[in-house]
N, C-alpha and C. Protein backbone atom coordinates (compact mmCIF):
# COMPACT_ATOMS: atom_id res chain seq x y z
N MET A 1 16.61 -0.37 4.09
CA MET A 1 17.12 0.37 4.26
C MET A 1 17.13 1.07 5.51
N ASP A 2 17.76 1.40 5.94
CA ASP A 2 17.81 2.07 7.46
C ASP A 2 17.05 2.78 7.94
N SER A 3 16.56 4.00 6.75
CA SER A 3 16.23 4.97 7.24
C SER A 3 14.55 4.97 6.24
N CYS A 4 14.28 4.10 5.96
CA CYS A 4 13.04 4.27 4.86
C CYS A 4 12.03 3.94 6.02
N LEU A 5 10.80 5.15 6.06
CA LEU A 5 9.75 4.81 7.11
C LEU A 5 9.29 3.86 7.20
N PHE A 6 8.96 3.08 5.97
CA PHE A 6 8.39 1.64 6.12
C PHE A 6 8.54 0.56 5.93
N CYS A 7 10.00 0.34 6.40
CA CYS A 7 11.10 -0.25 6.42
C CYS A 7 11.13 -0.62 8.12
N LYS A 8 11.38 0.88 8.54
CA LYS A 8 11.12 0.76 9.91
C LYS A 8 9.17 0.34 10.84
N ILE A 9 8.65 0.58 9.99
CA ILE A 9 7.08 0.28 10.14
C ILE A 9 7.28 -1.58 10.21
N ILE A 10 7.79 -1.71 9.41
CA ILE A 10 7.50 -3.31 8.98
C ILE A 10 8.15 -4.61 10.02
N LYS A 11 9.57 -3.55 10.68
CA LYS A 11 10.34 -4.02 11.57
C LYS A 11 9.47 -4.04 13.25
N GLY A 12 8.74 -2.95 13.18
CA GLY A 12 8.17 -2.59 14.12
C GLY A 12 9.00 -2.08 15.30
N GLU A 13 9.35 -1.10 14.43
CA GLU A 13 10.28 0.26 15.41
C GLU A 13 9.68 1.48 15.41
N ILE A 14 9.05 1.45 14.56
CA ILE A 14 7.32 3.05 14.16
C ILE A 14 6.19 2.39 14.25
N PRO A 15 4.81 2.21 15.70
CA PRO A 15 4.02 1.91 15.45
C PRO A 15 3.06 2.01 13.83
N SER A 16 2.11 1.12 13.81
CA SER A 16 1.02 0.95 13.21
C SER A 16 -0.08 0.46 13.05
N SER A 17 -1.44 0.55 12.58
CA SER A 17 -2.48 -0.55 12.58
C SER A 17 -2.77 -1.38 11.84
N LYS A 18 -1.93 -2.27 12.05
CA LYS A 18 -1.83 -3.31 11.12
C LYS A 18 -3.10 -4.04 10.88
N VAL A 19 -3.58 -3.90 9.30
CA VAL A 19 -4.93 -4.77 9.00
C VAL A 19 -4.41 -5.91 8.49
N TYR A 20 -3.18 -5.97 7.93
CA TYR A 20 -2.79 -7.93 7.50
C TYR A 20 -1.61 -7.81 7.35
N GLU A 21 -0.88 -8.93 7.47
CA GLU A 21 0.75 -9.06 6.96
C GLU A 21 1.25 -10.50 6.91
N ASP A 22 2.12 -10.79 5.86
CA ASP A 22 2.05 -12.39 5.67
C ASP A 22 3.60 -12.19 5.47
N GLU A 23 4.02 -13.65 5.15
CA GLU A 23 5.63 -13.78 4.74
C GLU A 23 6.23 -12.60 3.65
N TYR A 24 5.19 -11.97 3.06
CA TYR A 24 5.62 -10.98 1.86
C TYR A 24 4.82 -9.50 1.72
N VAL A 25 4.19 -8.90 2.54
CA VAL A 25 3.45 -8.37 2.63
C VAL A 25 2.77 -7.65 4.10
N TYR A 26 2.87 -6.38 4.12
CA TYR A 26 2.77 -5.84 5.30
C TYR A 26 1.46 -4.34 4.62
N ALA A 27 0.16 -4.68 5.38
CA ALA A 27 -0.91 -3.44 5.45
C ALA A 27 -1.30 -3.11 6.42
N PHE A 28 -1.28 -1.63 6.39
CA PHE A 28 -1.79 -0.71 7.99
C PHE A 28 -2.58 0.48 7.40
N ASN A 29 -3.93 1.23 8.54
CA ASN A 29 -4.36 1.96 8.24
C ASN A 29 -3.03 3.09 8.28
N ASP A 30 -4.14 3.62 6.83
CA ASP A 30 -3.15 5.39 6.80
C ASP A 30 -3.43 6.10 8.03
N ILE A 31 -2.60 7.19 8.56
CA ILE A 31 -2.36 7.82 9.87
C ILE A 31 -3.25 9.03 9.03
N ASN A 32 -3.59 9.10 7.92
CA ASN A 32 -3.93 10.28 7.19
C ASN A 32 -4.80 10.37 5.80
N PRO A 33 -6.37 9.32 6.76
CA PRO A 33 -6.94 8.77 5.55
C PRO A 33 -7.94 9.65 5.32
N VAL A 34 -8.05 9.96 3.89
CA VAL A 34 -8.87 10.44 2.79
C VAL A 34 -10.22 10.19 2.52
N ALA A 35 -10.44 8.38 2.94
CA ALA A 35 -11.78 8.16 2.45
C ALA A 35 -11.90 7.12 4.00
N PRO A 36 -13.36 6.42 4.41
CA PRO A 36 -13.44 6.19 5.62
C PRO A 36 -12.92 4.82 5.43
N VAL A 37 -12.30 3.68 4.38
CA VAL A 37 -11.26 3.10 4.66
C VAL A 37 -10.05 3.60 3.67
N HIS A 38 -9.02 3.39 4.44
CA HIS A 38 -7.38 4.13 3.29
C HIS A 38 -6.69 3.38 4.47
N ILE A 39 -6.08 2.43 3.46
CA ILE A 39 -5.02 1.10 4.03
C ILE A 39 -3.65 1.49 3.32
N LEU A 40 -2.31 1.46 3.32
CA LEU A 40 -1.41 1.42 2.81
C LEU A 40 -1.10 -0.11 2.87
N ILE A 41 -0.74 -0.53 1.43
CA ILE A 41 -0.34 -1.99 1.22
C ILE A 41 1.48 -1.95 1.16
N ILE A 42 2.00 -2.78 1.28
CA ILE A 42 3.54 -2.64 1.11
C ILE A 42 4.18 -3.72 1.10
N PRO A 43 4.97 -3.68 -0.08
CA PRO A 43 5.47 -4.97 -0.10
C PRO A 43 6.44 -5.20 0.71
N LYS A 44 7.22 -6.12 1.47
CA LYS A 44 8.06 -6.09 2.74
C LYS A 44 10.13 -6.24 2.63
N GLU A 45 9.88 -6.47 1.19
CA GLU A 45 10.98 -6.07 0.02
C GLU A 45 10.75 -4.87 -0.55
N HIS A 46 12.23 -3.95 0.37
CA HIS A 46 12.34 -2.63 -0.12
C HIS A 46 12.74 -2.35 -2.02
N ILE A 47 11.42 -1.81 -2.33
CA ILE A 47 11.68 -1.66 -3.81
C ILE A 47 10.90 -0.07 -3.55
N CYS A 48 11.79 0.62 -4.66
CA CYS A 48 12.19 2.66 -3.87
C CYS A 48 10.20 3.01 -4.90
N GLY A 49 9.84 2.30 -6.08
CA GLY A 49 9.01 2.86 -6.24
C GLY A 49 8.74 1.62 -7.50
N ALA A 50 7.68 1.97 -8.65
CA ALA A 50 7.06 1.39 -9.85
C ALA A 50 8.41 1.57 -10.68
N GLY A 51 9.04 2.14 -10.99
CA GLY A 51 10.48 1.93 -12.10
C GLY A 51 11.46 0.96 -11.75
N GLU A 52 11.13 0.59 -10.14
CA GLU A 52 12.45 0.43 -9.68
C GLU A 52 11.88 -1.58 -9.54
N VAL A 53 10.68 -1.61 -10.28
CA VAL A 53 10.32 -3.19 -10.69
C VAL A 53 11.24 -3.65 -11.63
N THR A 54 11.63 -5.23 -11.41
CA THR A 54 12.31 -5.64 -11.98
C THR A 54 11.57 -7.34 -12.22
N GLU A 55 12.24 -8.06 -13.49
CA GLU A 55 11.96 -9.77 -13.26
C GLU A 55 12.30 -10.43 -11.93
N GLU A 56 13.61 -9.97 -10.93
CA GLU A 56 13.74 -10.21 -9.81
C GLU A 56 12.90 -10.24 -8.87
N ASN A 57 11.85 -8.77 -8.49
CA ASN A 57 11.21 -8.31 -7.74
C ASN A 57 9.42 -8.36 -7.68
N SER A 58 9.38 -8.87 -8.72
CA SER A 58 7.99 -8.61 -9.12
C SER A 58 7.24 -9.39 -8.72
N GLY A 59 7.59 -10.50 -8.58
CA GLY A 59 6.50 -11.50 -7.31
C GLY A 59 5.77 -11.14 -6.47
N ASN A 60 6.67 -9.91 -5.70
CA ASN A 60 6.34 -9.49 -4.64
C ASN A 60 5.30 -8.60 -4.79
N ILE A 61 5.12 -7.92 -6.30
CA ILE A 61 4.17 -7.24 -6.44
C ILE A 61 2.95 -7.42 -6.43
N ALA A 62 2.79 -9.10 -6.93
CA ALA A 62 2.30 -10.04 -7.17
C ALA A 62 1.44 -10.06 -6.06
N LYS A 63 2.35 -10.76 -4.86
CA LYS A 63 2.05 -10.76 -3.64
C LYS A 63 0.95 -9.45 -2.83
N VAL A 64 1.39 -8.44 -3.39
CA VAL A 64 0.39 -7.45 -2.58
C VAL A 64 -1.11 -7.30 -3.04
N PHE A 65 -1.13 -7.57 -4.39
CA PHE A 65 -2.30 -7.77 -5.22
C PHE A 65 -2.81 -8.56 -4.94
N GLU A 66 -2.47 -9.70 -4.59
CA GLU A 66 -3.29 -11.27 -3.86
C GLU A 66 -3.54 -10.88 -2.52
N ALA A 67 -2.69 -9.94 -1.62
CA ALA A 67 -2.80 -9.11 0.04
C ALA A 67 -4.46 -8.30 -0.26
N ILE A 68 -4.55 -7.63 -1.28
CA ILE A 68 -5.40 -6.86 -1.48
C ILE A 68 -6.96 -7.36 -1.81
N ALA A 69 -6.81 -8.44 -2.40
CA ALA A 69 -8.09 -9.03 -3.08
C ALA A 69 -8.32 -9.75 -1.23
N LYS A 70 -7.29 -10.00 -0.42
CA LYS A 70 -8.26 -10.42 1.17
C LYS A 70 -8.44 -9.68 1.61
N ILE A 71 -7.71 -8.33 1.27
CA ILE A 71 -8.53 -7.38 2.63
C ILE A 71 -9.30 -7.21 2.01
N ALA A 72 -9.64 -6.66 0.62
CA ALA A 72 -11.48 -6.14 0.28
C ALA A 72 -12.06 -7.36 0.61
N LYS A 73 -11.78 -8.72 0.80
CA LYS A 73 -13.19 -9.83 0.55
C LYS A 73 -13.09 -9.48 2.53
N ARG A 74 -12.24 -9.35 3.39
CA ARG A 74 -12.15 -9.43 4.81
C ARG A 74 -13.04 -8.26 5.33
N LEU A 75 -12.81 -7.24 4.56
CA LEU A 75 -13.80 -5.97 4.90
C LEU A 75 -15.06 -5.72 3.91
N ASP A 76 -15.21 -6.49 3.38
CA ASP A 76 -16.47 -6.69 2.76
C ASP A 76 -16.89 -5.49 1.68
N LEU A 77 -15.84 -4.89 0.64
CA LEU A 77 -15.60 -4.11 0.12
C LEU A 77 -16.70 -4.24 -1.03
N LYS A 78 -17.97 -4.71 -1.31
CA LYS A 78 -18.27 -4.74 -2.59
C LYS A 78 -18.70 -3.82 -2.85
N ASP A 79 -18.87 -2.51 -2.89
CA ASP A 79 -19.41 -1.69 -3.31
C ASP A 79 -18.14 -0.93 -4.26
N GLY A 80 -16.95 -1.66 -4.05
CA GLY A 80 -16.00 -0.81 -4.95
C GLY A 80 -14.74 -0.71 -4.09
N TYR A 81 -13.83 0.09 -4.67
CA TYR A 81 -12.90 0.28 -4.01
C TYR A 81 -11.61 0.73 -5.26
N ARG A 82 -10.58 1.79 -4.46
CA ARG A 82 -9.84 2.03 -5.34
C ARG A 82 -8.66 1.51 -5.11
N ILE A 83 -7.35 1.35 -5.83
CA ILE A 83 -6.00 1.02 -5.39
C ILE A 83 -5.48 2.00 -5.92
N VAL A 84 -4.38 2.66 -5.56
CA VAL A 84 -3.34 3.85 -5.95
C VAL A 84 -1.78 3.36 -5.96
N ASN A 85 -1.30 4.15 -6.56
CA ASN A 85 0.03 3.69 -6.11
C ASN A 85 0.37 5.18 -7.42
N ASN A 86 1.35 6.33 -6.36
CA ASN A 86 2.21 6.99 -6.64
C ASN A 86 3.30 6.90 -6.76
N CYS A 87 4.08 7.36 -8.42
CA CYS A 87 5.68 6.79 -8.93
C CYS A 87 5.91 7.98 -9.43
N GLY A 88 6.81 8.84 -7.87
CA GLY A 88 7.42 10.16 -8.25
C GLY A 88 6.96 10.74 -7.24
N GLU A 89 7.66 11.86 -7.13
CA GLU A 89 7.77 12.92 -6.18
C GLU A 89 6.52 14.15 -6.69
N LYS A 90 6.57 14.23 -7.94
CA LYS A 90 5.42 14.91 -8.69
C LYS A 90 3.85 14.75 -8.83
N ALA A 91 3.87 12.94 -8.50
CA ALA A 91 2.79 12.22 -8.70
C ALA A 91 2.35 12.34 -7.19
N GLY A 92 3.32 12.89 -6.15
CA GLY A 92 2.48 12.54 -5.19
C GLY A 92 2.75 11.32 -3.82
N GLN A 93 3.89 10.93 -4.61
CA GLN A 93 4.99 10.11 -3.94
C GLN A 93 5.82 10.43 -2.46
N SER A 94 5.61 10.03 -1.52
CA SER A 94 6.43 10.87 0.06
C SER A 94 7.12 9.98 0.99
N VAL A 95 6.68 8.89 0.84
CA VAL A 95 7.35 7.21 1.02
C VAL A 95 8.40 6.45 -0.09
N PHE A 96 9.49 6.53 -0.53
CA PHE A 96 10.25 6.18 -1.47
C PHE A 96 10.55 4.57 -1.16
N HIS A 97 9.49 4.37 -0.91
CA HIS A 97 9.08 2.68 -0.71
C HIS A 97 7.90 2.24 -1.25
N MET A 98 7.72 1.61 -1.96
CA MET A 98 6.91 1.17 -2.89
C MET A 98 5.34 0.75 -2.40
N HIS A 99 4.54 1.25 -2.57
CA HIS A 99 3.12 1.31 -1.88
C HIS A 99 1.86 1.04 -2.61
N PHE A 100 1.01 0.82 -1.92
CA PHE A 100 -0.45 0.79 -2.85
C PHE A 100 -1.72 1.31 -1.57
N HIS A 101 -2.55 2.66 -2.49
CA HIS A 101 -3.76 2.81 -1.17
C HIS A 101 -4.57 2.37 -1.73
N LEU A 102 -5.28 1.87 -0.55
CA LEU A 102 -6.93 0.56 -0.82
C LEU A 102 -7.88 1.96 -0.26
N ILE A 103 -8.20 2.61 -1.13
CA ILE A 103 -8.95 3.40 -0.45
C ILE A 103 -10.96 2.99 -1.11
N ALA A 104 -11.44 3.11 -0.06
CA ALA A 104 -13.03 2.71 -0.45
C ALA A 104 -14.12 3.73 1.27
N GLY A 105 -15.18 3.03 0.77
CA GLY A 105 -16.20 3.95 2.00
C GLY A 105 -16.80 5.14 1.59
N CYS A 106 -16.96 5.36 0.14
CA CYS A 106 -17.31 7.04 -0.26
C CYS A 106 -17.56 6.97 -1.77
N GLU A 107 -18.64 7.08 -2.07
CA GLU A 107 -18.53 7.77 -3.82
C GLU A 107 -16.97 8.59 -4.54
N MET A 108 -16.66 8.25 -5.84
CA MET A 108 -14.88 8.48 -6.06
C MET A 108 -15.47 9.17 -7.30
N GLY A 109 -14.76 9.89 -7.79
CA GLY A 109 -14.74 10.48 -9.29
C GLY A 109 -13.77 10.61 -9.99
N TRP A 110 -13.78 10.88 -11.10
CA TRP A 110 -12.71 10.68 -11.91
C TRP A 110 -12.87 11.62 -12.94
N PRO A 111 -11.41 12.55 -13.60
CA PRO A 111 -10.30 12.49 -12.79
C PRO A 111 -9.91 13.14 -11.46
N PRO A 112 -8.41 12.73 -11.40
CA PRO A 112 -8.00 12.91 -9.70
C PRO A 112 -7.94 14.61 -9.94
N CYS A 113 -7.65 15.23 -11.61
CA CYS A 113 -7.11 16.45 -11.46
C CYS A 113 -7.39 17.51 -12.03
């Protein structure tokens, strides 16, 4: 998608603070962190959101979770972390390229609202 912010970041057209990259996944520090650790993890294939996951592209989402495990180990997040995926505008999704927030480094409560 030519106009997608995250696709432009993956292509290197927009700078980011890269944390991890492989053939399927790109991860970078969020520019507006809500916690000491706040990383966005995105599949390189453009998938608009959770409602667009199919049998054909679901393997890319599995690769995202493999990358999250590697990042968490690399950052030694033994005390725990949260993975968030906002699905749709009312849930807070502002970039319509499937992405996951890896949040850590502070005590978190529940429920979120």
